[in-house]
Amino acid sequence: MGRTIPSFRIAEAQESAEWRSFRKALPRSDRAAFDDMLSSARLYTSASSAAVRTSRFEGMIMAIVFHHYKTLAQSMGAVSEMKKEESR
């Protein structure tokens, strides 16, 4: 029989647990931001689990980068709209 592959949600929780020592080494003021960053991977669980990857960490990182890209693009769009409003 083949090995059972854990769901992405389980794999993501395992990966997050492996980063606990990194989290503990961060200043307390940065820990919430780190937790938020890791939790953003859960927003794209479907895409991460469907993607062909060599490790669960790659799926998480791509989800985090994609989320941050979307947030940055939305922010840039909002700034552009604010500049247009100012110039009127």
PDB file of N, CA and C in Angstrom:
ATOM      1  N   MET A   1       0.824  -1.188   0.000  1.00  0.00           N
ATOM      2  CA  MET A   1       0.000   0.000   0.000  1.00  0.00           C
ATOM      3  C   MET A   1       0.864   1.247   0.000  1.00  0.00           C
ATOM      4  N   GLY A   2       0.323   2.311  -0.597  1.00  0.00           N
ATOM      5  CA  GLY A   2       1.045   3.566  -0.655  1.00  0.00           C
ATOM      6  C   GLY A   2       0.926   4.360   0.636  1.00  0.00           C
ATOM      7  N   ARG A   3       1.756   5.349   0.733  1.00  0.00           N
ATOM      8  CA  ARG A   3       1.711   6.234   1.895  1.00  0.00           C
ATOM      9  C   ARG A   3       0.533   7.180   1.800  1.00  0.00           C
ATOM     10  N   THR A   4      -0.088   7.454   2.904  1.00  0.00           N
ATOM     11  CA  THR A   4      -1.176   8.416   2.926  1.00  0.00           C
ATOM     12  C   THR A   4      -0.582   9.815   2.987  1.00  0.00           C
ATOM     13  N   ILE A   5      -1.053  10.668   2.110  1.00  0.00           N
ATOM     14  CA  ILE A   5      -0.586  12.051   2.071  1.00  0.00           C
ATOM     15  C   ILE A   5      -1.582  12.895   2.860  1.00  0.00           C
ATOM     16  N   PRO A   6      -1.110  13.652   3.860  1.00  0.00           N
ATOM     17  CA  PRO A   6      -2.044  14.461   4.651  1.00  0.00           C
ATOM     18  C   PRO A   6      -2.668  15.569   3.819  1.00  0.00           C
ATOM     19  N   SER A   7      -3.865  15.998   4.212  1.00  0.00           N
ATOM     20  CA  SER A   7      -4.508  17.114   3.521  1.00  0.00           C
ATOM     21  C   SER A   7      -3.637  18.345   3.692  1.00  0.00           C
ATOM     22  N   PHE A   8      -3.885  19.348   2.845  1.00  0.00           N
ATOM     23  CA  PHE A   8      -3.076  20.557   2.938  1.00  0.00           C
ATOM     24  C   PHE A   8      -3.288  21.244   4.278  1.00  0.00           C
ATOM     25  N   ARG A   9      -4.486  21.210   4.797  1.00  0.00           N
ATOM     26  CA  ARG A   9      -4.739  21.850   6.094  1.00  0.00           C
ATOM     27  C   ARG A   9      -3.888  21.217   7.193  1.00  0.00           C
ATOM     28  N   ILE A  10      -3.800  19.902   7.191  1.00  0.00           N
ATOM     29  CA  ILE A  10      -2.975  19.198   8.181  1.00  0.00           C
ATOM     30  C   ILE A  10      -1.503  19.502   7.929  1.00  0.00           C
ATOM     31  N   ALA A  11      -1.087  19.461   6.667  1.00  0.00           N
ATOM     32  CA  ALA A  11       0.311  19.745   6.323  1.00  0.00           C
ATOM     33  C   ALA A  11       0.679  21.171   6.691  1.00  0.00           C
ATOM     34  N   GLU A  12      -0.249  22.108   6.486  1.00  0.00           N
ATOM     35  CA  GLU A  12      -0.001  23.510   6.829  1.00  0.00           C
ATOM     36  C   GLU A  12       0.169  23.670   8.335  1.00  0.00           C
ATOM     37  N   ALA A  13      -0.651  22.973   9.107  1.00  0.00           N
ATOM     38  CA  ALA A  13      -0.541  23.037  10.569  1.00  0.00           C
ATOM     39  C   ALA A  13       0.793  22.443  11.030  1.00  0.00           C
ATOM     40  N   GLN A  14       1.212  21.364  10.388  1.00  0.00           N
ATOM     41  CA  GLN A  14       2.506  20.756  10.729  1.00  0.00           C
ATOM     42  C   GLN A  14       3.648  21.707  10.386  1.00  0.00           C
ATOM     43  N   GLU A  15       3.573  22.333   9.240  1.00  0.00           N
ATOM     44  CA  GLU A  15       4.620  23.264   8.818  1.00  0.00           C
ATOM     45  C   GLU A  15       4.681  24.451   9.772  1.00  0.00           C
ATOM     46  N   SER A  16       3.525  24.995  10.129  1.00  0.00           N
ATOM     47  CA  SER A  16       3.482  26.115  11.071  1.00  0.00           C
ATOM     48  C   SER A  16       4.100  25.728  12.408  1.00  0.00           C
ATOM     49  N   ALA A  17       3.817  24.521  12.858  1.00  0.00           N
ATOM     50  CA  ALA A  17       4.377  24.042  14.125  1.00  0.00           C
ATOM     51  C   ALA A  17       5.898  23.964  14.066  1.00  0.00           C
ATOM     52  N   GLU A  18       6.431  23.626  12.907  1.00  0.00           N
ATOM     53  CA  GLU A  18       7.881  23.529  12.750  1.00  0.00           C
ATOM     54  C   GLU A  18       8.562  24.900  12.789  1.00  0.00           C
ATOM     55  N   TRP A  19       7.798  25.971  12.612  1.00  0.00           N
ATOM     56  CA  TRP A  19       8.344  27.329  12.641  1.00  0.00           C
ATOM     57  C   TRP A  19       8.180  27.991  14.006  1.00  0.00           C
ATOM     58  N   ARG A  20       7.723  27.233  15.008  1.00  0.00           N
ATOM     59  CA  ARG A  20       7.512  27.811  16.347  1.00  0.00           C
ATOM     60  C   ARG A  20       8.786  28.407  16.932  1.00  0.00           C
ATOM     61  N   SER A  21       9.915  27.723  16.756  1.00  0.00           N
ATOM     62  CA  SER A  21      11.156  28.251  17.336  1.00  0.00           C
ATOM     63  C   SER A  21      11.548  29.580  16.669  1.00  0.00           C
ATOM     64  N   PHE A  22      11.299  29.702  15.377  1.00  0.00           N
ATOM     65  CA  PHE A  22      11.552  30.969  14.685  1.00  0.00           C
ATOM     66  C   PHE A  22      10.657  32.057  15.268  1.00  0.00           C
ATOM     67  N   ARG A  23       9.373  31.715  15.437  1.00  0.00           N
ATOM     68  CA  ARG A  23       8.415  32.669  15.992  1.00  0.00           C
ATOM     69  C   ARG A  23       8.841  33.130  17.381  1.00  0.00           C
ATOM     70  N   LYS A  24       9.261  32.191  18.208  1.00  0.00           N
ATOM     71  CA  LYS A  24       9.683  32.531  19.577  1.00  0.00           C
ATOM     72  C   LYS A  24      10.912  33.431  19.586  1.00  0.00           C
ATOM     73  N   ALA A  25      11.747  33.331  18.554  1.00  0.00           N
ATOM     74  CA  ALA A  25      12.954  34.152  18.477  1.00  0.00           C
ATOM     75  C   ALA A  25      12.645  35.588  18.033  1.00  0.00           C
ATOM     76  N   LEU A  26      11.474  35.802  17.467  1.00  0.00           N
ATOM     77  CA  LEU A  26      11.087  37.151  17.040  1.00  0.00           C
ATOM     78  C   LEU A  26      10.750  38.015  18.248  1.00  0.00           C
ATOM     79  N   PRO A  27      10.925  39.316  18.124  1.00  0.00           N
ATOM     80  CA  PRO A  27      10.451  40.204  19.192  1.00  0.00           C
ATOM     81  C   PRO A  27       8.934  40.034  19.351  1.00  0.00           C
ATOM     82  N   ARG A  28       8.451  40.183  20.553  1.00  0.00           N
ATOM     83  CA  ARG A  28       7.011  40.010  20.808  1.00  0.00           C
ATOM     84  C   ARG A  28       6.160  40.868  19.880  1.00  0.00           C
ATOM     85  N   SER A  29       6.639  42.055  19.587  1.00  0.00           N
ATOM     86  CA  SER A  29       5.873  42.960  18.736  1.00  0.00           C
ATOM     87  C   SER A  29       5.733  42.465  17.300  1.00  0.00           C
ATOM     88  N   ASP A  30       6.587  41.553  16.869  1.00  0.00           N
ATOM     89  CA  ASP A  30       6.539  41.023  15.500  1.00  0.00           C
ATOM     90  C   ASP A  30       5.794  39.697  15.394  1.00  0.00           C
ATOM     91  N   ARG A  31       5.497  39.073  16.494  1.00  0.00           N
ATOM     92  CA  ARG A  31       4.890  37.735  16.462  1.00  0.00           C
ATOM     93  C   ARG A  31       3.490  37.734  15.846  1.00  0.00           C
ATOM     94  N   ALA A  32       2.693  38.752  16.125  1.00  0.00           N
ATOM     95  CA  ALA A  32       1.351  38.812  15.547  1.00  0.00           C
ATOM     96  C   ALA A  32       1.421  38.929  14.025  1.00  0.00           C
ATOM     97  N   ALA A  33       2.365  39.726  13.528  1.00  0.00           N
ATOM     98  CA  ALA A  33       2.526  39.871  12.074  1.00  0.00           C
ATOM     99  C   ALA A  33       2.946  38.540  11.453  1.00  0.00           C
ATOM    100  N   PHE A  34       3.833  37.817  12.137  1.00  0.00           N
ATOM    101  CA  PHE A  34       4.263  36.502  11.641  1.00  0.00           C
ATOM    102  C   PHE A  34       3.078  35.535  11.613  1.00  0.00           C
ATOM    103  N   ASP A  35       2.276  35.548  12.667  1.00  0.00           N
ATOM    104  CA  ASP A  35       1.095  34.680  12.711  1.00  0.00           C
ATOM    105  C   ASP A  35       0.117  35.031  11.587  1.00  0.00           C
ATOM    106  N   ASP A  36      -0.091  36.321  11.366  1.00  0.00           N
ATOM    107  CA  ASP A  36      -0.980  36.763  10.279  1.00  0.00           C
ATOM    108  C   ASP A  36      -0.460  36.306   8.926  1.00  0.00           C
ATOM    109  N   MET A  37       0.856  36.407   8.737  1.00  0.00           N
ATOM    110  CA  MET A  37       1.450  35.995   7.474  1.00  0.00           C
ATOM    111  C   MET A  37       1.214  34.500   7.233  1.00  0.00           C
ATOM    112  N   LEU A  38       1.479  33.688   8.254  1.00  0.00           N
ATOM    113  CA  LEU A  38       1.269  32.247   8.092  1.00  0.00           C
ATOM    114  C   LEU A  38      -0.200  31.917   7.866  1.00  0.00           C
ATOM    115  N   SER A  39      -1.088  32.623   8.554  1.00  0.00           N
ATOM    116  CA  SER A  39      -2.511  32.319   8.397  1.00  0.00           C
ATOM    117  C   SER A  39      -3.035  32.730   7.030  1.00  0.00           C
ATOM    118  N   SER A  40      -2.357  33.661   6.349  1.00  0.00           N
ATOM    119  CA  SER A  40      -2.814  34.047   5.011  1.00  0.00           C
ATOM    120  C   SER A  40      -2.702  32.887   4.026  1.00  0.00           C
ATOM    121  N   ALA A  41      -1.865  31.910   4.316  1.00  0.00           N
ATOM    122  CA  ALA A  41      -1.761  30.733   3.445  1.00  0.00           C
ATOM    123  C   ALA A  41      -3.076  29.954   3.432  1.00  0.00           C
ATOM    124  N   ARG A  42      -3.821  30.008   4.531  1.00  0.00           N
ATOM    125  CA  ARG A  42      -5.098  29.283   4.611  1.00  0.00           C
ATOM    126  C   ARG A  42      -6.145  29.843   3.660  1.00  0.00           C
ATOM    127  N   LEU A  43      -5.971  31.078   3.218  1.00  0.00           N
ATOM    128  CA  LEU A  43      -6.930  31.688   2.300  1.00  0.00           C
ATOM    129  C   LEU A  43      -6.948  30.985   0.953  1.00  0.00           C
ATOM    130  N   TYR A  44      -5.852  30.322   0.628  1.00  0.00           N
ATOM    131  CA  TYR A  44      -5.712  29.695  -0.693  1.00  0.00           C
ATOM    132  C   TYR A  44      -5.444  28.202  -0.569  1.00  0.00           C
ATOM    133  N   THR A  45      -6.094  27.569   0.393  1.00  0.00           N
ATOM    134  CA  THR A  45      -5.894  26.144   0.640  1.00  0.00           C
ATOM    135  C   THR A  45      -6.185  25.315  -0.602  1.00  0.00           C
ATOM    136  N   SER A  46      -7.268  25.623  -1.301  1.00  0.00           N
ATOM    137  CA  SER A  46      -7.637  24.848  -2.485  1.00  0.00           C
ATOM    138  C   SER A  46      -6.551  24.885  -3.551  1.00  0.00           C
ATOM    139  N   ALA A  47      -6.050  26.087  -3.822  1.00  0.00           N
ATOM    140  CA  ALA A  47      -5.008  26.230  -4.843  1.00  0.00           C
ATOM    141  C   ALA A  47      -3.718  25.562  -4.401  1.00  0.00           C
ATOM    142  N   SER A  48      -3.379  25.708  -3.120  1.00  0.00           N
ATOM    143  CA  SER A  48      -2.136  25.130  -2.617  1.00  0.00           C
ATOM    144  C   SER A  48      -2.171  23.614  -2.645  1.00  0.00           C
ATOM    145  N   SER A  49      -3.322  23.042  -2.341  1.00  0.00           N
ATOM    146  CA  SER A  49      -3.398  21.584  -2.317  1.00  0.00           C
ATOM    147  C   SER A  49      -3.450  20.998  -3.723  1.00  0.00           C
ATOM    148  N   ALA A  50      -3.931  21.782  -4.688  1.00  0.00           N
ATOM    149  CA  ALA A  50      -4.026  21.291  -6.060  1.00  0.00           C
ATOM    150  C   ALA A  50      -2.717  21.468  -6.834  1.00  0.00           C
ATOM    151  N   ALA A  51      -1.871  22.358  -6.347  1.00  0.00           N
ATOM    152  CA  ALA A  51      -0.637  22.664  -7.069  1.00  0.00           C
ATOM    153  C   ALA A  51       0.364  21.522  -6.964  1.00  0.00           C
ATOM    154  N   VAL A  52       1.107  21.331  -8.030  1.00  0.00           N
ATOM    155  CA  VAL A  52       2.199  20.359  -8.016  1.00  0.00           C
ATOM    156  C   VAL A  52       3.388  21.053  -7.371  1.00  0.00           C
ATOM    157  N   ARG A  53       3.878  20.480  -6.298  1.00  0.00           N
ATOM    158  CA  ARG A  53       4.995  21.084  -5.581  1.00  0.00           C
ATOM    159  C   ARG A  53       5.831  19.975  -4.962  1.00  0.00           C
ATOM    160  N   THR A  54       7.027  20.336  -4.573  1.00  0.00           N
ATOM    161  CA  THR A  54       7.902  19.332  -3.978  1.00  0.00           C
ATOM    162  C   THR A  54       7.817  19.314  -2.464  1.00  0.00           C
ATOM    163  N   SER A  55       7.258  20.365  -1.856  1.00  0.00           N
ATOM    164  CA  SER A  55       7.114  20.378  -0.404  1.00  0.00           C
ATOM    165  C   SER A  55       5.885  21.190  -0.015  1.00  0.00           C
ATOM    166  N   ARG A  56       5.364  20.912   1.160  1.00  0.00           N
ATOM    167  CA  ARG A  56       4.199  21.670   1.638  1.00  0.00           C
ATOM    168  C   ARG A  56       4.561  23.136   1.837  1.00  0.00           C
ATOM    169  N   PHE A  57       5.825  23.402   2.165  1.00  0.00           N
ATOM    170  CA  PHE A  57       6.264  24.773   2.391  1.00  0.00           C
ATOM    171  C   PHE A  57       6.157  25.605   1.121  1.00  0.00           C
ATOM    172  N   GLU A  58       6.434  25.016  -0.014  1.00  0.00           N
ATOM    173  CA  GLU A  58       6.324  25.757  -1.278  1.00  0.00           C
ATOM    174  C   GLU A  58       4.895  26.219  -1.524  1.00  0.00           C
ATOM    175  N   GLY A  59       3.934  25.367  -1.248  1.00  0.00           N
ATOM    176  CA  GLY A  59       2.532  25.750  -1.413  1.00  0.00           C
ATOM    177  C   GLY A  59       2.148  26.889  -0.484  1.00  0.00           C
ATOM    178  N   MET A  60       2.636  26.820   0.756  1.00  0.00           N
ATOM    179  CA  MET A  60       2.358  27.883   1.718  1.00  0.00           C
ATOM    180  C   MET A  60       2.993  29.196   1.277  1.00  0.00           C
ATOM    181  N   ILE A  61       4.239  29.133   0.872  1.00  0.00           N
ATOM    182  CA  ILE A  61       4.941  30.357   0.469  1.00  0.00           C
ATOM    183  C   ILE A  61       4.269  30.998  -0.742  1.00  0.00           C
ATOM    184  N   MET A  62       3.882  30.189  -1.730  1.00  0.00           N
ATOM    185  CA  MET A  62       3.212  30.750  -2.903  1.00  0.00           C
ATOM    186  C   MET A  62       1.898  31.405  -2.500  1.00  0.00           C
ATOM    187  N   ALA A  63       1.143  30.791  -1.592  1.00  0.00           N
ATOM    188  CA  ALA A  63      -0.112  31.379  -1.133  1.00  0.00           C
ATOM    189  C   ALA A  63       0.141  32.698  -0.407  1.00  0.00           C
ATOM    190  N   ILE A  64       1.164  32.741   0.433  1.00  0.00           N
ATOM    191  CA  ILE A  64       1.495  33.964   1.173  1.00  0.00           C
ATOM    192  C   ILE A  64       1.940  35.067   0.212  1.00  0.00           C
ATOM    193  N   VAL A  65       2.825  34.718  -0.711  1.00  0.00           N
ATOM    194  CA  VAL A  65       3.306  35.712  -1.684  1.00  0.00           C
ATOM    195  C   VAL A  65       2.145  36.227  -2.533  1.00  0.00           C
ATOM    196  N   PHE A  66       1.272  35.324  -2.981  1.00  0.00           N
ATOM    197  CA  PHE A  66       0.126  35.733  -3.786  1.00  0.00           C
ATOM    198  C   PHE A  66      -0.781  36.669  -2.998  1.00  0.00           C
ATOM    199  N   HIS A  67      -1.057  36.353  -1.750  1.00  0.00           N
ATOM    200  CA  HIS A  67      -1.904  37.203  -0.912  1.00  0.00           C
ATOM    201  C   HIS A  67      -1.275  38.590  -0.742  1.00  0.00           C
ATOM    202  N   HIS A  68       0.023  38.623  -0.488  1.00  0.00           N
ATOM    203  CA  HIS A  68       0.705  39.902  -0.321  1.00  0.00           C
ATOM    204  C   HIS A  68       0.727  40.695  -1.634  1.00  0.00           C
ATOM    205  N   TYR A  69       0.872  39.999  -2.743  1.00  0.00           N
ATOM    206  CA  TYR A  69       0.831  40.661  -4.048  1.00  0.00           C
ATOM    207  C   TYR A  69      -0.536  41.311  -4.264  1.00  0.00           C
ATOM    208  N   LYS A  70      -1.600  40.564  -3.992  1.00  0.00           N
ATOM    209  CA  LYS A  70      -2.947  41.107  -4.156  1.00  0.00           C
ATOM    210  C   LYS A  70      -3.156  42.325  -3.264  1.00  0.00           C
ATOM    211  N   THR A  71      -2.721  42.237  -2.023  1.00  0.00           N
ATOM    212  CA  THR A  71      -2.863  43.345  -1.086  1.00  0.00           C
ATOM    213  C   THR A  71      -2.096  44.568  -1.569  1.00  0.00           C
ATOM    214  N   LEU A  72      -0.885  44.357  -2.046  1.00  0.00           N
ATOM    215  CA  LEU A  72      -0.071  45.460  -2.563  1.00  0.00           C
ATOM    216  C   LEU A  72      -0.724  46.078  -3.794  1.00  0.00           C
ATOM    217  N   ALA A  73      -1.221  45.253  -4.700  1.00  0.00           N
ATOM    218  CA  ALA A  73      -1.864  45.769  -5.903  1.00  0.00           C
ATOM    219  C   ALA A  73      -3.104  46.583  -5.551  1.00  0.00           C
ATOM    220  N   GLN A  74      -3.891  46.109  -4.590  1.00  0.00           N
ATOM    221  CA  GLN A  74      -5.075  46.859  -4.164  1.00  0.00           C
ATOM    222  C   GLN A  74      -4.668  48.183  -3.527  1.00  0.00           C
ATOM    223  N   SER A  75      -3.630  48.162  -2.736  1.00  0.00           N
ATOM    224  CA  SER A  75      -3.148  49.394  -2.090  1.00  0.00           C
ATOM    225  C   SER A  75      -2.658  50.395  -3.127  1.00  0.00           C
ATOM    226  N   MET A  76      -1.927  49.900  -4.112  1.00  0.00           N
ATOM    227  CA  MET A  76      -1.429  50.782  -5.166  1.00  0.00           C
ATOM    228  C   MET A  76      -2.598  51.386  -5.953  1.00  0.00           C
ATOM    229  N   GLY A  77      -3.616  50.587  -6.197  1.00  0.00           N
ATOM    230  CA  GLY A  77      -4.804  51.091  -6.884  1.00  0.00           C
ATOM    231  C   GLY A  77      -5.503  52.162  -6.070  1.00  0.00           C
ATOM    232  N   ALA A  78      -5.591  51.958  -4.759  1.00  0.00           N
ATOM    233  CA  ALA A  78      -6.228  52.950  -3.883  1.00  0.00           C
ATOM    234  C   ALA A  78      -5.424  54.245  -3.861  1.00  0.00           C
ATOM    235  N   VAL A  79      -4.106  54.140  -3.814  1.00  0.00           N
ATOM    236  CA  VAL A  79      -3.247  55.339  -3.828  1.00  0.00           C
ATOM    237  C   VAL A  79      -3.424  56.080  -5.150  1.00  0.00           C
ATOM    238  N   SER A  80      -3.469  55.343  -6.236  1.00  0.00           N
ATOM    239  CA  SER A  80      -3.657  55.959  -7.551  1.00  0.00           C
ATOM    240  C   SER A  80      -4.996  56.698  -7.613  1.00  0.00           C
ATOM    241  N   GLU A  81      -6.040  56.091  -7.075  1.00  0.00           N
ATOM    242  CA  GLU A  81      -7.357  56.740  -7.062  1.00  0.00           C
ATOM    243  C   GLU A  81      -7.337  57.994  -6.199  1.00  0.00           C
ATOM    244  N   MET A  82      -6.646  57.943  -5.068  1.00  0.00           N
ATOM    245  CA  MET A  82      -6.541  59.110  -4.187  1.00  0.00           C
ATOM    246  C   MET A  82      -5.811  60.254  -4.894  1.00  0.00           C
ATOM    247  N   LYS A  83      -4.758  59.923  -5.648  1.00  0.00           N
ATOM    248  CA  LYS A  83      -4.028  60.946  -6.381  1.00  0.00           C
ATOM    249  C   LYS A  83      -4.889  61.586  -7.455  1.00  0.00           C
ATOM    250  N   LYS A  84      -5.721  60.774  -8.111  1.00  0.00           N
ATOM    251  CA  LYS A  84      -6.628  61.295  -9.133  1.00  0.00           C
ATOM    252  C   LYS A  84      -7.638  62.245  -8.502  1.00  0.00           C
ATOM    253  N   GLU A  85      -8.163  61.876  -7.344  1.00  0.00           N
ATOM    254  CA  GLU A  85      -9.128  62.722  -6.644  1.00  0.00           C
ATOM    255  C   GLU A  85      -8.498  64.041  -6.210  1.00  0.00           C
ATOM    256  N   GLU A  86      -7.245  63.991  -5.763  1.00  0.00           N
ATOM    257  CA  GLU A  86      -6.534  65.195  -5.331  1.00  0.00           C
ATOM    258  C   GLU A  86      -6.344  66.173  -6.474  1.00  0.00           C
ATOM    259  N   SER A  87      -6.053  65.636  -7.655  1.00  0.00           N
ATOM    260  CA  SER A  87      -5.732  66.503  -8.795  1.00  0.00           C
ATOM    261  C   SER A  87      -6.998  67.137  -9.408  1.00  0.00           C
ATOM    262  N   ARG A  88      -8.148  66.720  -9.006  1.00  0.00           N
ATOM    263  CA  ARG A  88      -9.390  67.293  -9.576  1.00  0.00           C
ATOM    264  C   ARG A  88      -9.753  68.573  -8.942  1.00  0.00           C
TER     265      ARG A  88
END
